[in-house]
Amino acid sequence: MTLNLVPFVSVDKMMKLVLQLGITRVLRDLVDEIEADFRRWPLFDKTPRIASHSDVGVIELMPTSDGETYGFKYVNGHPANMKRGLQTVTAFGLLADVATGYPVLLSEMTILTALRTAATSAMAAKWLAPKTEVMALIGNGAQAEFQALAFAEICGIREVRLYDIDPAATAKCAKNLAGRGLVVTSCQTAEQAIQGAGIITTVTADKQYATILTDNMVGAGVHLNAVGGDCPGKTELHRDILLRSSIFVEYPEQTRIEGEIQQLDPDHPVTELWRVIAGKAKGRTNPAEITLFDSVGFAIEDFSALRYIRRKVKETGLYDDLDMIADPDDPRDLFGMIQRAAP
């Protein structure tokens, strides 16, 4: 029997890899990786993620392929999990060789999704945001520190203004960001947090139509990075803000279902971010413009992240071999392979 062992990146190995490379290097590398794949966007198979919704959350599959490699991510979103001591979002992902269909990588993606989400946010801001050193970060849960560090590394943010309805979340985030070269200001209200901020990131978890930012809170010239609205029935921004903004999205067919723009008419104009990166469309066009990245996450970003991890674990040896493909010497004799395994 020929053993076809699949590299497996456990949570332990992923943490060791991130610490060995350095989190800011990983974030920068992921920006480069995702940006490169956005430039070849037309080559990918694209479909809105396949979602199974319940009253308490959602379970989704996110597939794509560039014709040579296939990838998918399994991910859930269950906001009430935190009250049970569980993660709101968990994920794992797989890459496979299109020519044979054989898996070539299986990896945890709870940590990796946090990294690639932050990298995608910072990548979008690189192309859309005004020059600024101040960012408001509204929602200080599991994603917050990754967002702050990505914007510091990619966009030159030097001050992060924090707000969360749970003061313990803000205290946690401030503690984790201490000593990382950022001025961290904990705020009592969302209004206080956005004062002086050129970039406003909203990354809250509740699965509901919410109004984290009202229309009067958002002045001219800012960039909005709306991360938390990522499924039907879940939004963060007042509709009137959207009507004043130039809106940029990953994949319109998915974002119109899941993003902030689910509040708008189905034909409301939006610009696909890949077109800006590929030089086919304009990003920010004037200093007074409000730009909005309506981020819901898309499979190509996960594909980019998984391919990056595949290279890095080969370089570092930070993986385990997983025996998950039955491969008898005679491909027709799967039954015989079982019989020969008898003691």
Protein backbone atom coordinates (compact mmCIF):
# COMPACT_ATOMS: atom_id res chain seq x y z
CA MET A 1 0.00 0.00 0.00
CA THR A 2 1.28 3.44 -0.94
CA LEU A 3 0.82 5.93 1.87
CA ASN A 4 -0.56 9.29 0.75
CA LEU A 5 -0.08 11.38 3.83
CA VAL A 6 -1.73 14.79 3.95
CA PRO A 7 0.03 17.65 5.77
CA PHE A 8 -2.14 18.71 8.71
CA VAL A 9 -1.71 22.03 10.50
CA SER A 10 -3.14 21.78 14.00
CA VAL A 11 -3.97 24.72 16.24
CA ASP A 12 -0.70 24.11 18.09
CA LYS A 13 1.34 24.12 14.88
CA MET A 14 -0.46 27.22 13.57
CA MET A 15 0.31 29.14 16.77
CA LYS A 16 3.95 28.07 16.61
CA LEU A 17 4.16 29.10 12.96
CA VAL A 18 2.70 32.56 13.63
CA LEU A 19 5.00 33.10 16.59
CA GLN A 20 8.05 31.87 14.68
CA LEU A 21 7.40 34.11 11.67
CA GLY A 22 6.01 37.02 13.70
CA ILE A 23 2.41 38.15 13.51
CA THR A 24 3.10 41.40 11.65
CA ARG A 25 5.14 39.54 9.03
CA VAL A 26 2.32 37.02 8.57
CA LEU A 27 -0.20 39.83 8.16
CA ARG A 28 1.96 41.59 5.59
CA ASP A 29 2.61 38.34 3.72
CA LEU A 30 -1.11 37.60 3.65
CA VAL A 31 -1.86 41.06 2.23
CA ASP A 32 0.64 40.38 -0.56
CA GLU A 33 -0.80 36.91 -1.19
CA ILE A 34 -4.44 38.05 -1.28
CA GLU A 35 -3.61 41.08 -3.39
CA ALA A 36 -1.85 38.88 -5.95
CA ASP A 37 -4.86 36.60 -6.21
CA PHE A 38 -7.24 39.56 -6.52
CA ARG A 39 -5.23 40.64 -9.57
CA ARG A 40 -6.04 37.29 -11.21
CA TRP A 41 -9.64 37.26 -9.97
CA PRO A 42 -11.22 36.26 -13.33
CA LEU A 43 -9.33 32.93 -13.26
CA PHE A 44 -11.14 31.68 -10.16
CA ASP A 45 -14.35 29.73 -9.84
CA LYS A 46 -16.66 31.95 -7.81
CA THR A 47 -19.88 31.21 -5.98
CA PRO A 48 -21.60 32.67 -2.92
CA ARG A 49 -20.86 30.59 0.12
CA ILE A 50 -23.19 27.72 0.86
CA ALA A 51 -24.94 28.57 4.12
CA SER A 52 -27.10 26.61 6.54
CA HIS A 53 -28.87 29.08 8.82
CA SER A 54 -30.52 28.43 12.17
CA ASP A 55 -32.05 30.63 14.84
CA VAL A 56 -28.75 30.66 16.74
CA GLY A 57 -26.15 30.91 13.98
CA VAL A 58 -24.90 29.78 10.61
CA ILE A 59 -22.66 27.01 9.23
CA GLU A 60 -21.06 27.69 5.85
CA LEU A 61 -18.86 26.15 3.17
CA MET A 62 -16.71 28.50 1.06
CA PRO A 63 -15.26 26.84 -2.09
CA THR A 64 -13.13 28.09 -4.98
CA SER A 65 -10.53 26.91 -7.50
CA ASP A 66 -7.97 28.53 -9.79
CA GLY A 67 -7.99 25.53 -12.12
CA GLU A 68 -4.90 23.94 -10.58
CA THR A 69 -5.74 23.92 -6.89
CA TYR A 70 -9.14 23.61 -5.22
CA GLY A 71 -9.85 24.97 -1.76
CA PHE A 72 -12.69 25.23 0.68
CA LYS A 73 -13.31 26.47 4.20
CA TYR A 74 -15.83 25.24 6.74
CA VAL A 75 -16.83 28.08 9.09
CA ASN A 76 -19.55 28.75 11.61
CA GLY A 77 -20.88 31.90 13.24
CA HIS A 78 -22.73 31.48 16.55
CA PRO A 79 -22.82 34.75 18.55
CA ALA A 80 -24.31 33.11 21.67
CA ASN A 81 -21.35 30.74 21.95
CA MET A 82 -19.37 33.27 23.97
CA LYS A 83 -21.83 32.98 26.85
CA ARG A 84 -21.10 29.24 26.90
CA GLY A 85 -17.35 29.74 26.90
CA LEU A 86 -17.09 28.83 23.21
CA GLN A 87 -15.75 30.68 20.17
CA THR A 88 -18.22 32.66 18.07
CA VAL A 89 -16.38 31.60 14.92
CA THR A 90 -14.48 28.36 14.26
CA ALA A 91 -13.09 27.10 10.98
CA PHE A 92 -10.94 24.60 9.14
CA GLY A 93 -9.87 24.43 5.51
CA LEU A 94 -8.53 22.14 2.83
CA LEU A 95 -6.55 22.41 -0.40
CA ALA A 96 -6.65 19.72 -3.10
CA ASP A 97 -4.89 19.03 -6.37
CA VAL A 98 -7.38 19.56 -9.21
CA ALA A 99 -5.58 17.05 -11.47
CA THR A 100 -6.08 14.12 -9.06
CA GLY A 101 -8.64 15.34 -6.53
CA TYR A 102 -6.26 14.35 -3.74
CA PRO A 103 -6.04 16.66 -0.68
CA VAL A 104 -2.67 18.36 -0.26
CA LEU A 105 -3.33 20.32 2.97
CA LEU A 106 -5.75 20.22 5.89
CA SER A 107 -5.51 23.10 8.34
CA GLU A 108 -7.16 24.76 11.29
CA MET A 109 -8.60 28.10 10.18
CA THR A 110 -10.00 29.71 13.32
CA ILE A 111 -6.70 31.53 13.84
CA LEU A 112 -5.99 31.76 10.12
CA THR A 113 -9.40 33.33 9.40
CA ALA A 114 -8.73 36.04 11.97
CA LEU A 115 -5.42 36.77 10.28
CA ARG A 116 -6.75 36.78 6.71
CA THR A 117 -9.80 38.88 7.67
CA ALA A 118 -7.55 41.53 9.18
CA ALA A 119 -5.19 41.34 6.21
CA THR A 120 -8.08 41.80 3.77
CA SER A 121 -9.37 44.81 5.74
CA ALA A 122 -5.97 46.47 5.73
CA MET A 123 -5.47 45.65 2.05
CA ALA A 124 -8.77 47.36 1.19
CA ALA A 125 -7.87 50.41 3.29
CA LYS A 126 -4.49 50.61 1.55
CA TRP A 127 -6.38 51.28 -1.68
CA LEU A 128 -9.38 53.25 -0.34
CA ALA A 129 -8.63 55.06 2.93
CA PRO A 130 -7.40 58.63 3.43
CA LYS A 131 -3.97 59.19 4.88
CA THR A 132 -4.52 58.92 8.62
CA GLU A 133 -2.85 57.69 11.78
CA VAL A 134 -6.03 57.21 13.83
CA MET A 135 -8.51 54.34 13.64
CA ALA A 136 -11.66 53.71 15.65
CA LEU A 137 -12.24 50.05 16.43
CA ILE A 138 -15.83 49.38 17.47
CA GLY A 139 -16.27 45.82 18.69
CA ASN A 140 -13.31 44.55 20.70
CA GLY A 141 -13.82 40.79 20.52
CA ALA A 142 -11.68 38.03 19.02
CA GLN A 143 -10.93 39.88 15.77
CA ALA A 144 -10.00 43.26 17.22
CA GLU A 145 -6.27 42.90 17.93
CA PHE A 146 -5.63 41.39 14.50
CA GLN A 147 -7.38 44.34 12.85
CA ALA A 148 -5.38 46.86 14.86
CA LEU A 149 -2.03 45.25 14.08
CA ALA A 150 -2.84 44.82 10.39
CA PHE A 151 -3.79 48.49 10.01
CA ALA A 152 -0.67 49.55 11.89
CA GLU A 153 1.55 47.41 9.65
CA ILE A 154 -0.08 48.16 6.29
CA CYS A 155 -1.66 51.61 6.67
CA GLY A 156 0.55 53.34 9.24
CA ILE A 157 -2.07 53.59 11.98
CA ARG A 158 -0.51 54.84 15.21
CA GLU A 159 -3.54 55.35 17.47
CA VAL A 160 -6.42 52.92 17.98
CA ARG A 161 -9.54 54.15 19.75
CA LEU A 162 -11.47 51.23 21.28
CA TYR A 163 -15.14 50.83 22.12
CA ASP A 164 -17.29 47.82 22.97
CA ILE A 165 -20.62 47.55 24.79
CA ASP A 166 -18.77 45.15 27.12
CA PRO A 167 -16.00 47.05 28.97
CA ALA A 168 -14.25 43.75 29.69
CA ALA A 169 -13.73 43.24 25.96
CA THR A 170 -12.16 46.68 25.63
CA ALA A 171 -9.91 46.03 28.63
CA LYS A 172 -8.82 42.70 27.11
CA CYS A 173 -8.01 44.32 23.77
CA ALA A 174 -6.12 47.22 25.35
CA LYS A 175 -4.06 44.80 27.42
CA ASN A 176 -3.18 42.65 24.42
CA LEU A 177 -2.14 45.67 22.34
CA ALA A 178 0.04 47.17 25.07
CA GLY A 179 3.71 47.46 24.14
CA ARG A 180 3.11 47.05 20.41
CA GLY A 181 3.88 50.62 19.35
CA LEU A 182 0.29 51.84 19.31
CA VAL A 183 -1.40 54.54 21.32
CA VAL A 184 -4.47 52.73 22.64
CA THR A 185 -7.39 54.81 23.90
CA SER A 186 -10.34 53.11 25.60
CA CYS A 187 -13.58 54.99 25.01
CA GLN A 188 -16.93 55.05 26.79
CA THR A 189 -19.08 55.46 23.66
CA ALA A 190 -18.89 54.82 19.93
CA GLU A 191 -19.18 58.57 19.37
CA GLN A 192 -16.10 59.17 21.49
CA ALA A 193 -14.17 56.45 19.67
CA ILE A 194 -14.69 57.90 16.19
CA GLN A 195 -13.57 61.43 17.11
CA GLY A 196 -10.57 62.26 14.94
CA ALA A 197 -10.49 58.83 13.29
CA GLY A 198 -9.87 58.65 9.54
CA ILE A 199 -10.71 54.95 9.50
CA ILE A 200 -13.67 53.44 11.37
CA THR A 201 -13.79 49.66 11.73
CA THR A 202 -16.95 47.97 12.99
CA VAL A 203 -16.55 44.33 13.96
CA THR A 204 -19.41 43.28 16.21
CA ALA A 205 -20.89 39.81 16.62
CA ASP A 206 -24.64 39.97 17.30
CA LYS A 207 -26.77 38.37 14.58
CA GLN A 208 -29.27 41.19 14.16
CA TYR A 209 -30.07 44.33 12.23
CA ALA A 210 -28.03 46.72 14.37
CA THR A 211 -27.16 50.39 14.06
CA ILE A 212 -23.65 50.63 15.44
CA LEU A 213 -23.12 53.87 13.51
CA THR A 214 -25.94 56.35 12.89
CA ASP A 215 -25.89 58.70 9.92
CA ASN A 216 -24.97 61.80 11.94
CA MET A 217 -21.88 60.05 13.39
CA VAL A 218 -20.09 59.71 10.04
CA GLY A 219 -18.56 62.84 8.57
CA ALA A 220 -16.98 63.45 5.19
CA GLY A 221 -13.64 61.99 4.18
CA VAL A 222 -13.52 58.86 6.32
CA HIS A 223 -13.08 55.21 5.34
CA LEU A 224 -15.50 52.69 6.84
CA ASN A 225 -14.37 49.11 7.26
CA ALA A 226 -17.59 47.20 7.99
CA VAL A 227 -16.60 43.67 9.03
CA GLY A 228 -19.34 42.49 11.38
CA GLY A 229 -22.30 42.44 8.97
CA ASP A 230 -21.68 39.09 7.31
CA CYS A 231 -24.94 37.16 7.02
CA PRO A 232 -28.59 37.79 6.16
CA GLY A 233 -30.30 39.79 8.90
CA LYS A 234 -27.03 41.11 10.34
CA THR A 235 -25.89 44.69 9.73
CA GLU A 236 -24.03 47.44 11.60
CA LEU A 237 -24.53 50.70 9.68
CA HIS A 238 -27.57 52.91 9.24
CA ARG A 239 -28.88 52.75 5.68
CA ASP A 240 -28.41 56.48 5.13
CA ILE A 241 -24.65 56.09 5.62
CA LEU A 242 -24.59 53.65 2.72
CA LEU A 243 -26.43 56.11 0.49
CA ARG A 244 -23.68 58.71 1.10
CA SER A 245 -20.80 56.29 0.55
CA SER A 246 -18.83 54.88 -2.35
CA ILE A 247 -19.22 51.17 -1.69
CA PHE A 248 -16.59 48.53 -2.45
CA VAL A 249 -17.24 44.79 -2.12
CA GLU A 250 -15.57 41.45 -2.68
CA TYR A 251 -18.21 39.50 -4.64
CA PRO A 252 -21.50 41.36 -5.21
CA GLU A 253 -23.63 38.23 -5.52
CA GLN A 254 -22.63 37.28 -1.97
CA THR A 255 -22.45 40.75 -0.42
CA ARG A 256 -25.95 41.70 -1.54
CA ILE A 257 -27.23 38.76 0.50
CA GLU A 258 -24.98 39.06 3.55
CA GLY A 259 -23.40 42.50 3.73
CA GLU A 260 -24.47 45.99 4.68
CA ILE A 261 -25.87 46.44 1.17
CA GLN A 262 -28.62 43.91 1.87
CA GLN A 263 -30.39 47.09 3.09
CA LEU A 264 -30.27 48.64 -0.41
CA ASP A 265 -31.96 48.02 -3.74
CA PRO A 266 -30.53 44.98 -5.59
CA ASP A 267 -29.17 47.22 -8.36
CA HIS A 268 -27.51 49.81 -6.11
CA PRO A 269 -24.08 50.52 -7.65
CA VAL A 270 -21.02 48.99 -6.00
CA THR A 271 -17.42 48.49 -7.12
CA GLU A 272 -15.64 45.16 -6.86
CA LEU A 273 -12.40 45.61 -4.93
CA TRP A 274 -10.41 43.38 -7.26
CA ARG A 275 -11.08 45.84 -10.08
CA VAL A 276 -9.46 48.65 -8.08
CA ILE A 277 -6.40 46.52 -7.30
CA ALA A 278 -6.13 45.41 -10.94
CA GLY A 279 -6.30 49.01 -12.17
CA LYS A 280 -9.70 48.58 -13.82
CA ALA A 281 -11.65 50.90 -11.50
CA LYS A 282 -10.96 53.90 -9.28
CA GLY A 283 -10.83 53.81 -5.50
CA ARG A 284 -11.04 57.05 -3.48
CA THR A 285 -11.43 59.97 -5.86
CA ASN A 286 -11.62 63.04 -3.57
CA PRO A 287 -10.76 64.00 0.02
CA ALA A 288 -14.41 64.47 1.09
CA GLU A 289 -15.54 61.08 -0.18
CA ILE A 290 -16.79 58.45 2.26
CA THR A 291 -15.48 55.06 1.18
CA LEU A 292 -17.02 51.87 2.56
CA PHE A 293 -15.51 48.41 2.34
CA ASP A 294 -18.52 46.14 2.88
CA SER A 295 -16.51 43.12 3.96
CA VAL A 296 -18.19 39.73 4.31
CA GLY A 297 -15.22 37.47 3.53
CA PHE A 298 -14.84 35.49 0.32
CA ALA A 299 -13.42 32.08 -0.54
CA ILE A 300 -10.54 33.43 -2.63
CA GLU A 301 -9.10 35.10 0.48
CA ASP A 302 -9.17 31.75 2.31
CA PHE A 303 -7.60 30.06 -0.71
CA SER A 304 -4.77 32.63 -0.65
CA ALA A 305 -4.24 32.10 3.08
CA LEU A 306 -4.20 28.31 2.80
CA ARG A 307 -1.75 28.35 -0.07
CA TYR A 308 0.53 30.67 1.93
CA ILE A 309 0.36 28.33 4.93
CA ARG A 310 1.12 25.32 2.74
CA ARG A 311 4.39 26.93 1.64
CA LYS A 312 5.36 28.07 5.12
CA VAL A 313 4.76 24.73 6.85
CA LYS A 314 6.91 23.02 4.24
CA GLU A 315 9.68 25.51 4.99
CA THR A 316 9.36 25.19 8.77
CA GLY A 317 8.25 21.56 9.21
CA LEU A 318 5.43 22.77 11.46
CA TYR A 319 2.84 20.19 10.43
CA ASP A 320 1.85 16.59 11.08
CA ASP A 321 1.25 13.89 8.49
CA LEU A 322 -2.34 12.71 8.40
CA ASP A 323 -3.25 9.29 7.01
CA MET A 324 -6.66 10.14 5.54
CA ILE A 325 -6.61 8.79 1.95
CA ALA A 326 -7.18 5.09 1.39
CA ASP A 327 -4.88 4.22 -1.53
CA PRO A 328 -4.51 0.48 -2.29
CA ASP A 329 -1.70 -0.75 -4.56
CA ASP A 330 -4.40 -1.80 -7.02
CA PRO A 331 -6.88 1.11 -7.19
CA ARG A 332 -9.68 -1.40 -7.86
CA ASP A 333 -8.99 -3.46 -4.77
CA LEU A 334 -10.16 -1.33 -1.86
CA PHE A 335 -11.87 -4.36 -0.28
CA GLY A 336 -8.68 -6.41 -0.48
CA MET A 337 -6.72 -3.63 1.24
CA ILE A 338 -9.11 -3.90 4.20
CA GLN A 339 -8.76 -7.67 4.31
CA ARG A 340 -4.96 -7.54 4.31
CA ALA A 341 -5.05 -5.20 7.30
CA ALA A 342 -6.57 -7.95 9.48
CA PRO A 343 -4.29 -9.08 12.34
